[in-house]
N, C-alpha and C. Protein backbone atom coordinates (compact mmCIF):
# COMPACT_ATOMS: atom_id res chain seq x y z
N MET A 1 47.12 1.40 -114.89
CA MET A 1 46.11 0.76 -113.90
C MET A 1 44.93 -0.23 -114.70
N VAL A 2 44.08 -1.05 -113.97
CA VAL A 2 43.33 -1.83 -114.72
C VAL A 2 42.06 -0.75 -115.61
N GLY A 3 42.28 -1.27 -116.74
CA GLY A 3 41.27 -0.29 -117.48
C GLY A 3 39.83 -0.22 -117.31
N TRP A 4 39.44 0.28 -116.04
CA TRP A 4 38.07 0.58 -115.57
C TRP A 4 38.05 2.20 -116.00
N LYS A 5 36.82 2.27 -116.64
CA LYS A 5 36.75 3.70 -117.08
C LYS A 5 35.36 4.18 -116.07
N SER A 6 34.98 5.24 -115.79
CA SER A 6 33.99 5.48 -114.73
C SER A 6 32.83 6.16 -116.01
N THR A 7 31.66 5.61 -116.27
CA THR A 7 30.86 6.56 -117.10
C THR A 7 29.81 7.87 -116.08
N GLN A 8 30.52 7.93 -115.14
CA GLN A 8 29.77 9.19 -114.42
C GLN A 8 31.13 9.89 -113.91
N THR A 9 30.46 10.92 -113.35
CA THR A 9 31.72 12.26 -112.72
C THR A 9 31.92 11.44 -111.26
N LEU A 10 33.14 11.70 -111.14
CA LEU A 10 33.38 11.30 -109.96
C LEU A 10 33.66 12.37 -108.76
N PHE A 11 33.65 12.43 -107.48
CA PHE A 11 33.56 13.41 -106.41
C PHE A 11 34.42 12.91 -105.49
N PHE A 12 35.21 13.85 -105.00
CA PHE A 12 35.68 13.79 -103.73
C PHE A 12 34.63 13.57 -102.51
N LEU A 13 34.74 12.54 -101.69
CA LEU A 13 34.08 12.25 -100.60
C LEU A 13 34.77 13.65 -99.44
N PRO A 14 33.66 14.24 -98.64
CA PRO A 14 33.87 14.82 -97.36
C PRO A 14 34.72 13.78 -96.55
N VAL A 15 36.15 15.05 -96.12
CA VAL A 15 36.82 14.43 -95.47
C VAL A 15 36.66 13.56 -94.27
N VAL A 16 35.47 13.89 -93.72
CA VAL A 16 34.86 13.06 -92.59
C VAL A 16 34.48 11.44 -93.13
N VAL A 17 33.90 11.43 -93.96
CA VAL A 17 33.65 10.26 -94.76
C VAL A 17 34.54 9.39 -95.33
N ALA A 18 35.65 10.01 -96.30
CA ALA A 18 36.74 9.31 -96.43
C ALA A 18 37.69 8.85 -95.59
N GLU A 19 37.84 9.50 -94.24
CA GLU A 19 38.58 8.90 -93.36
C GLU A 19 38.05 7.60 -92.89
N LYS A 20 36.49 7.59 -93.10
CA LYS A 20 35.99 5.93 -92.69
C LYS A 20 36.20 5.10 -93.06
N VAL A 21 36.66 5.27 -94.57
CA VAL A 21 36.79 3.93 -95.62
C VAL A 21 38.55 4.10 -95.59
N PRO A 22 38.67 2.65 -95.26
CA PRO A 22 40.06 2.34 -95.03
C PRO A 22 40.98 2.12 -96.36
N PHE A 23 42.15 2.73 -96.62
CA PHE A 23 42.53 2.85 -97.80
C PHE A 23 44.14 2.14 -97.81
N SER A 24 44.15 0.64 -97.81
CA SER A 24 45.28 -0.09 -97.66
C SER A 24 44.65 -1.35 -98.27
N THR A 25 45.85 -2.28 -98.81
CA THR A 25 45.18 -3.47 -99.27
C THR A 25 45.12 -4.59 -98.03
N LYS A 26 45.24 -4.37 -97.04
CA LYS A 26 45.04 -5.19 -95.91
C LYS A 26 43.43 -5.05 -95.70
N SER A 27 42.98 -3.89 -95.47
CA SER A 27 41.63 -3.84 -95.23
C SER A 27 40.76 -3.40 -96.69
N LEU A 28 41.13 -3.97 -97.81
CA LEU A 28 40.47 -4.12 -98.95
C LEU A 28 39.11 -4.52 -99.03
N SER A 29 38.71 -5.59 -98.45
CA SER A 29 37.83 -6.41 -98.12
C SER A 29 36.50 -5.47 -97.04
N THR A 30 37.15 -5.10 -96.03
CA THR A 30 36.05 -3.91 -95.46
C THR A 30 35.80 -2.62 -96.37
N SER A 31 36.60 -2.21 -97.10
CA SER A 31 36.32 -0.76 -98.13
C SER A 31 35.17 -1.45 -99.03
N LEU A 32 35.59 -2.72 -99.75
CA LEU A 32 34.43 -3.19 -100.80
C LEU A 32 32.90 -3.30 -99.91
N GLY A 33 32.95 -3.76 -98.97
CA GLY A 33 31.69 -3.78 -97.96
C GLY A 33 31.25 -2.60 -97.79
N LYS A 34 32.08 -1.52 -97.21
CA LYS A 34 31.52 -0.35 -96.70
C LYS A 34 30.95 0.60 -98.29
N LEU A 35 31.50 0.19 -99.38
CA LEU A 35 31.18 1.02 -100.41
C LEU A 35 29.98 -0.16 -101.53
N HIS A 36 29.72 -1.09 -101.00
CA HIS A 36 29.05 -1.99 -101.90
C HIS A 36 29.22 -2.39 -103.22
N ILE A 37 30.79 -2.84 -103.27
CA ILE A 37 31.34 -3.34 -104.21
C ILE A 37 31.71 -4.71 -104.26
N THR A 38 31.22 -5.30 -105.16
CA THR A 38 30.99 -7.15 -105.17
C THR A 38 32.95 -7.31 -105.36
N PRO A 39 33.31 -8.12 -104.42
CA PRO A 39 34.50 -8.84 -104.29
C PRO A 39 35.00 -9.26 -105.99
N ASN A 40 36.06 -9.26 -106.37
CA ASN A 40 36.48 -9.73 -107.96
C ASN A 40 36.10 -9.31 -109.14
N SER A 41 35.09 -7.78 -108.65
CA SER A 41 34.66 -7.34 -109.83
C SER A 41 35.46 -6.21 -110.41
N GLU A 42 35.13 -5.73 -111.46
CA GLU A 42 36.38 -5.11 -112.11
C GLU A 42 36.85 -3.90 -111.08
N MET A 43 35.74 -2.97 -110.35
CA MET A 43 36.09 -1.87 -109.69
C MET A 43 37.19 -2.64 -108.64
N ALA A 44 36.49 -3.52 -108.16
CA ALA A 44 37.36 -4.65 -106.98
C ALA A 44 38.98 -4.58 -107.20
N LEU A 45 39.03 -4.91 -108.54
CA LEU A 45 40.43 -5.13 -109.32
C LEU A 45 41.19 -3.92 -109.38
N THR A 46 40.60 -3.05 -109.63
CA THR A 46 41.07 -1.63 -109.87
C THR A 46 41.43 -0.61 -108.65
N MET A 47 40.67 -0.83 -107.54
CA MET A 47 40.86 -0.58 -106.45
C MET A 47 42.20 -1.22 -105.63
N LYS A 48 42.24 -2.60 -106.00
CA LYS A 48 43.29 -3.38 -105.48
C LYS A 48 44.84 -2.89 -105.99
N GLU A 49 44.51 -2.63 -107.32
CA GLU A 49 45.89 -2.22 -108.13
C GLU A 49 46.02 -0.92 -107.49
N THR A 50 45.10 0.08 -107.53
CA THR A 50 45.39 1.41 -107.06
C THR A 50 46.21 1.34 -105.83
N LEU A 51 45.73 0.40 -104.65
CA LEU A 51 46.05 0.52 -103.19
C LEU A 51 47.79 -0.11 -103.47
N GLU A 52 47.92 -1.14 -104.28
CA GLU A 52 49.30 -1.65 -104.39
C GLU A 52 50.20 -0.44 -105.06
N VAL A 53 49.91 0.38 -105.99
CA VAL A 53 50.83 1.41 -106.42
C VAL A 53 50.94 2.42 -105.19
N TRP A 54 49.85 2.65 -104.48
CA TRP A 54 50.03 3.67 -103.36
C TRP A 54 51.17 2.90 -102.60
N GLU A 55 51.13 1.82 -102.07
CA GLU A 55 51.62 1.01 -100.95
C GLU A 55 53.16 0.87 -101.49
N SER A 56 53.42 0.74 -102.87
CA SER A 56 54.78 0.77 -103.28
C SER A 56 55.70 1.15 -102.67
N SER A 57 57.05 1.26 -102.68
CA SER A 57 57.94 2.40 -102.24
C SER A 57 58.22 3.45 -102.96
N ALA A 58 58.34 4.57 -102.25
CA ALA A 58 58.80 5.60 -103.05
C ALA A 58 60.10 5.56 -103.64
N MET A 59 60.19 6.41 -105.10
CA MET A 59 61.53 6.32 -105.86
C MET A 59 62.36 7.30 -104.84
N THR A 60 63.82 7.20 -104.97
CA THR A 60 64.93 8.37 -104.20
C THR A 60 64.43 9.58 -104.29
N GLY A 61 64.26 10.62 -103.71
CA GLY A 61 64.13 11.58 -103.81
C GLY A 61 62.59 12.19 -104.22
N GLU A 62 61.33 10.96 -103.90
CA GLU A 62 60.01 11.22 -103.97
C GLU A 62 59.34 11.23 -102.71
N SER A 63 58.22 12.06 -103.07
CA SER A 63 57.05 11.87 -101.81
C SER A 63 55.99 11.85 -102.46
N LYS A 64 55.47 10.89 -101.95
CA LYS A 64 53.72 10.76 -102.67
C LYS A 64 52.95 10.08 -101.40
N LYS A 65 51.77 10.69 -102.19
CA LYS A 65 50.50 10.35 -101.35
C LYS A 65 49.24 10.46 -101.98
N CYS A 66 48.39 9.29 -101.83
CA CYS A 66 47.16 9.16 -102.65
C CYS A 66 46.03 9.86 -101.31
N LEU A 67 45.53 11.07 -102.21
CA LEU A 67 44.51 11.73 -101.44
C LEU A 67 43.07 11.54 -101.68
N THR A 68 42.45 11.50 -100.69
CA THR A 68 41.01 10.81 -100.59
C THR A 68 40.22 11.98 -100.69
N SER A 69 40.37 13.28 -100.18
CA SER A 69 39.60 14.56 -99.78
C SER A 69 40.19 15.84 -100.48
N LEU A 70 39.25 17.00 -101.13
CA LEU A 70 39.87 18.06 -101.34
C LEU A 70 40.80 18.60 -100.01
N GLU A 71 40.49 18.48 -98.94
CA GLU A 71 41.28 19.11 -97.78
C GLU A 71 42.56 18.28 -97.79
N SER A 72 42.79 17.19 -97.63
CA SER A 72 44.22 16.40 -97.90
C SER A 72 45.00 16.77 -98.85
N MET A 73 43.88 17.14 -100.20
CA MET A 73 45.06 17.65 -101.22
C MET A 73 45.70 18.87 -101.14
N ILE A 74 45.00 19.84 -100.35
CA ILE A 74 45.36 21.14 -100.39
C ILE A 74 46.49 21.18 -99.25
N TYR A 75 46.22 20.62 -98.17
CA TYR A 75 47.34 20.09 -97.10
C TYR A 75 48.54 19.82 -97.48
N TYR A 76 48.31 18.44 -98.36
CA TYR A 76 49.67 17.88 -98.51
C TYR A 76 50.16 19.02 -99.61
N THR A 77 49.84 19.15 -100.59
CA THR A 77 50.26 20.31 -101.43
C THR A 77 51.42 21.33 -100.87
N THR A 78 50.30 22.23 -100.05
CA THR A 78 51.22 23.46 -99.21
C THR A 78 52.17 22.76 -98.43
N THR A 79 52.05 21.89 -97.70
CA THR A 79 53.04 21.12 -97.07
C THR A 79 54.50 20.83 -97.71
N GLN A 80 54.17 20.18 -99.00
CA GLN A 80 55.48 20.05 -99.64
C GLN A 80 56.09 21.19 -100.14
N ILE A 81 55.20 21.87 -100.74
CA ILE A 81 55.63 23.35 -101.34
C ILE A 81 56.27 24.14 -100.21
N GLY A 82 55.61 24.28 -99.17
CA GLY A 82 55.81 25.14 -98.37
C GLY A 82 55.27 26.42 -98.15
N THR A 83 54.39 26.53 -98.94
CA THR A 83 53.28 28.29 -99.01
C THR A 83 52.04 27.95 -99.31
N ASN A 84 51.31 28.91 -98.94
CA ASN A 84 49.72 28.83 -99.50
C ASN A 84 49.74 29.41 -100.74
N ASP A 85 50.71 29.88 -101.47
CA ASP A 85 50.64 31.04 -102.65
C ASP A 85 50.76 30.07 -103.63
N LEU A 86 49.92 29.26 -104.24
CA LEU A 86 49.83 28.23 -105.24
C LEU A 86 49.56 28.68 -106.21
N ASP A 87 50.17 28.36 -107.81
CA ASP A 87 49.67 28.37 -109.06
C ASP A 87 49.11 26.80 -109.50
N VAL A 88 48.16 26.89 -110.12
CA VAL A 88 47.48 25.75 -110.11
C VAL A 88 47.60 25.34 -111.92
N PHE A 89 48.06 24.69 -112.39
CA PHE A 89 47.79 23.88 -113.76
C PHE A 89 47.09 22.88 -114.10
N VAL A 90 46.39 22.59 -115.11
CA VAL A 90 45.43 21.81 -115.42
C VAL A 90 45.71 21.49 -116.95
N THR A 91 45.05 20.39 -117.20
CA THR A 91 44.75 19.85 -118.41
C THR A 91 43.57 20.14 -118.81
N ASN A 92 43.35 20.45 -119.99
CA ASN A 92 42.26 21.20 -120.17
C ASN A 92 42.08 21.15 -122.01
N VAL A 93 41.13 20.51 -122.37
CA VAL A 93 41.15 19.85 -124.09
C VAL A 93 39.67 20.35 -124.11
N SER A 94 39.41 21.07 -125.15
CA SER A 94 38.20 21.50 -125.97
C SER A 94 37.59 20.36 -126.21
N LYS A 95 36.18 20.37 -126.34
CA LYS A 95 35.41 19.69 -126.82
C LYS A 95 35.37 19.60 -128.48
N THR A 96 35.82 18.51 -129.05
CA THR A 96 35.51 18.37 -130.72
C THR A 96 34.33 17.36 -130.95
N LYS A 97 34.05 17.74 -132.44
CA LYS A 97 32.67 17.07 -133.08
C LYS A 97 33.25 16.03 -133.48
N SER A 98 34.73 16.00 -134.39
CA SER A 98 34.82 14.99 -135.28
C SER A 98 35.66 14.07 -134.53
N GLY A 99 35.77 13.91 -133.24
CA GLY A 99 36.68 12.93 -132.42
C GLY A 99 38.24 12.88 -132.71
N LEU A 100 38.56 12.24 -132.99
CA LEU A 100 40.03 12.31 -132.94
C LEU A 100 40.67 13.51 -134.00
N GLN A 101 41.85 14.48 -133.40
CA GLN A 101 42.36 15.14 -134.24
C GLN A 101 44.06 15.34 -134.17
N GLN A 102 44.50 15.89 -135.35
CA GLN A 102 46.00 16.23 -135.09
C GLN A 102 46.15 17.36 -134.48
N TYR A 103 47.50 17.20 -133.62
CA TYR A 103 47.56 18.95 -132.79
C TYR A 103 48.89 19.05 -133.25
N SER A 104 49.09 20.33 -132.91
CA SER A 104 50.90 20.79 -133.46
C SER A 104 50.80 21.63 -132.13
N LEU A 105 52.05 22.11 -132.16
CA LEU A 105 52.69 22.79 -131.13
C LEU A 105 53.33 23.96 -131.27
N PRO A 106 52.46 25.23 -131.29
CA PRO A 106 52.51 26.43 -132.22
C PRO A 106 53.51 27.32 -131.76
N SER A 107 53.70 27.04 -130.46
CA SER A 107 54.56 28.04 -129.74
C SER A 107 55.36 27.34 -128.49
N ILE A 108 56.28 28.14 -127.90
CA ILE A 108 57.49 27.60 -127.04
C ILE A 108 56.78 27.38 -126.04
N PRO A 109 56.91 25.81 -125.30
CA PRO A 109 56.14 25.96 -123.81
C PRO A 109 56.73 26.68 -122.70
N PHE A 110 56.07 26.81 -121.83
CA PHE A 110 56.74 27.62 -120.67
C PHE A 110 57.34 26.19 -119.43
N GLU A 111 58.21 26.48 -119.53
CA GLU A 111 59.24 25.87 -118.62
C GLU A 111 59.71 25.96 -117.18
N SER A 112 59.34 25.23 -116.17
CA SER A 112 59.72 25.66 -115.08
C SER A 112 61.16 25.72 -114.38
N LYS A 113 61.36 26.69 -113.47
CA LYS A 113 62.59 26.91 -113.05
C LYS A 113 63.32 25.62 -112.36
N SER A 114 64.66 25.21 -112.43
CA SER A 114 64.92 24.12 -112.04
C SER A 114 64.97 24.12 -110.46
N THR A 115 64.78 25.32 -110.09
CA THR A 115 64.72 25.53 -108.18
C THR A 115 62.95 25.35 -108.14
N SER A 116 62.47 25.44 -108.93
CA SER A 116 60.99 25.52 -108.93
C SER A 116 60.59 24.51 -107.92
N ARG A 117 59.45 24.37 -106.67
CA ARG A 117 59.07 23.12 -106.47
C ARG A 117 57.59 23.14 -106.81
N PHE A 118 56.99 21.99 -107.12
CA PHE A 118 55.90 21.86 -107.40
C PHE A 118 55.16 20.30 -106.98
N VAL A 119 54.30 20.24 -106.98
CA VAL A 119 53.53 18.79 -106.84
C VAL A 119 52.72 18.47 -107.96
N ALA A 120 53.00 17.38 -108.79
CA ALA A 120 52.11 16.47 -109.58
C ALA A 120 50.89 15.77 -109.04
N CYS A 121 49.58 15.68 -109.42
CA CYS A 121 48.68 15.03 -109.26
C CYS A 121 47.53 14.53 -110.18
N HIS A 122 47.62 13.30 -110.56
CA HIS A 122 46.75 12.77 -111.31
C HIS A 122 45.63 11.96 -110.39
N PRO A 123 44.64 12.10 -111.27
CA PRO A 123 43.44 10.83 -110.73
C PRO A 123 43.51 9.25 -110.94
N ILE A 124 43.31 8.52 -110.27
CA ILE A 124 43.52 7.33 -110.24
C ILE A 124 42.20 6.24 -109.97
N GLY A 125 42.33 5.10 -110.49
CA GLY A 125 40.95 4.15 -110.45
C GLY A 125 40.61 4.08 -109.15
N TYR A 126 39.40 4.55 -108.60
CA TYR A 126 38.67 4.24 -107.23
C TYR A 126 37.32 4.45 -107.73
N PRO A 127 36.04 3.97 -106.71
CA PRO A 127 35.04 4.46 -106.99
C PRO A 127 34.40 5.84 -106.61
N TYR A 128 35.36 6.88 -106.15
CA TYR A 128 35.16 8.01 -105.71
C TYR A 128 36.61 8.67 -106.23
N LEU A 129 36.65 10.01 -106.18
CA LEU A 129 37.80 10.63 -106.71
C LEU A 129 38.87 10.23 -105.63
N VAL A 130 39.93 9.97 -106.49
CA VAL A 130 41.34 9.86 -105.48
C VAL A 130 42.23 10.18 -106.41
N TYR A 131 43.41 11.24 -105.58
CA TYR A 131 44.27 11.79 -106.82
C TYR A 131 45.71 11.04 -106.16
N PHE A 132 46.66 10.67 -106.85
CA PHE A 132 47.70 10.30 -106.58
C PHE A 132 48.78 11.15 -106.88
N CYS A 133 49.47 12.11 -105.83
CA CYS A 133 50.28 13.12 -105.79
C CYS A 133 51.59 13.05 -105.46
N TYR A 134 52.71 13.55 -106.15
CA TYR A 134 54.11 13.11 -105.71
C TYR A 134 54.95 14.49 -106.08
N GLN A 135 56.24 14.61 -105.50
CA GLN A 135 56.98 15.50 -105.73
C GLN A 135 58.36 14.90 -105.53
N ILE A 136 58.97 15.19 -107.05
CA ILE A 136 60.14 14.42 -106.86
C ILE A 136 61.17 15.35 -107.31
N GLN A 137 62.20 15.08 -106.65
CA GLN A 137 63.58 15.95 -106.63
C GLN A 137 64.28 16.07 -108.42
N ASP A 138 64.76 17.29 -108.42
CA ASP A 138 65.45 17.30 -109.89
C ASP A 138 64.04 17.06 -111.14
N THR A 139 63.11 17.45 -110.94
CA THR A 139 61.98 17.48 -111.78
C THR A 139 61.80 18.78 -112.53
N ARG A 140 61.25 18.96 -114.10
CA ARG A 140 60.67 19.97 -114.57
C ARG A 140 59.58 20.18 -115.18
N MET A 141 58.92 20.96 -115.01
CA MET A 141 57.58 21.10 -115.29
C MET A 141 57.38 21.98 -116.76
N PHE A 142 56.49 21.52 -117.67
CA PHE A 142 56.08 22.47 -119.03
C PHE A 142 54.98 22.37 -118.80
N GLN A 143 54.43 24.01 -119.55
CA GLN A 143 53.05 24.17 -119.66
C GLN A 143 52.92 24.44 -121.18
N LEU A 144 52.23 23.48 -121.92
CA LEU A 144 52.13 23.04 -123.69
C LEU A 144 50.67 23.63 -123.92
N SER A 145 50.61 24.53 -124.89
CA SER A 145 49.46 24.55 -125.67
C SER A 145 49.34 24.03 -126.78
N PHE A 146 48.62 23.06 -127.30
CA PHE A 146 48.38 22.53 -128.74
C PHE A 146 47.36 23.11 -129.59
N LYS A 147 47.33 23.29 -130.92
CA LYS A 147 46.38 23.36 -131.46
C LYS A 147 46.06 22.37 -132.27
N SER A 148 44.56 22.14 -133.03
CA SER A 148 44.48 21.03 -133.58
C SER A 148 44.23 21.92 -134.84
N ASP A 149 44.19 20.79 -136.20
CA ASP A 149 44.02 21.41 -137.55
C ASP A 149 42.60 22.31 -137.48
N GLU A 150 41.75 21.84 -136.66
CA GLU A 150 40.35 22.33 -136.54
C GLU A 150 40.14 23.63 -136.01
N GLY A 151 41.49 24.23 -135.02
CA GLY A 151 41.57 25.22 -134.08
C GLY A 151 41.28 25.05 -132.76
N ASN A 152 41.13 23.74 -132.42
CA ASN A 152 40.76 23.32 -130.98
C ASN A 152 41.81 23.51 -130.31
N ILE A 153 41.81 23.86 -129.00
CA ILE A 153 43.01 24.19 -128.11
C ILE A 153 42.83 23.30 -127.10
N ALA A 154 44.61 22.53 -126.75
CA ALA A 154 44.39 21.50 -125.72
C ALA A 154 45.59 22.05 -124.97
N GLN A 155 45.23 22.47 -123.73
CA GLN A 155 46.27 22.90 -122.68
C GLN A 155 46.77 21.65 -122.07
N MET A 156 48.04 21.41 -121.72
CA MET A 156 48.38 20.47 -120.94
C MET A 156 49.88 20.56 -120.12
N VAL A 157 49.85 19.84 -119.11
CA VAL A 157 50.96 20.12 -118.29
C VAL A 157 51.98 18.89 -118.50
N ALA A 158 53.07 18.80 -118.70
CA ALA A 158 54.04 17.60 -118.76
C ALA A 158 55.15 17.74 -117.95
N VAL A 159 55.13 16.88 -116.95
CA VAL A 159 56.10 16.85 -115.82
C VAL A 159 57.01 15.61 -116.21
N CYS A 160 58.73 16.06 -116.04
CA CYS A 160 59.56 15.19 -116.80
C CYS A 160 60.52 15.26 -115.43
N HIS A 161 60.72 13.76 -115.08
CA HIS A 161 61.77 13.40 -113.76
C HIS A 161 62.12 11.91 -114.39
């Protein structure tokens, strides 16, 4: 993604609002106008790149979607997995006082079964919260807990496909 970094916390739009903002490269100029974003600005270029990634062809065995509301994320995930009974794993890194730290992996990571079904999601560059979510056949998921020399814990999820 283009190197745009938000200095603000981003939020999902309510689904009724998100549905009114077009999400395609063909409608980018309309979206820029609705969101009051200057054409050719860093954010406009980030939006264009995000939309191009979203519109690119899926890999063989992949189902993918850019989700612009919490409701759409829940619907997509439960539809792909086939159940409302979900386990949610997120990356969580404790705050540090000293900046960069060395981390080690002190325990054996949890590894999903090869038959497990899961959806991986990560945020992508947009002026409001948008997640790129996908499910790929023959994928493994690992939950890892790293520990720094200072005792800070970083819990992460790794998806191998």
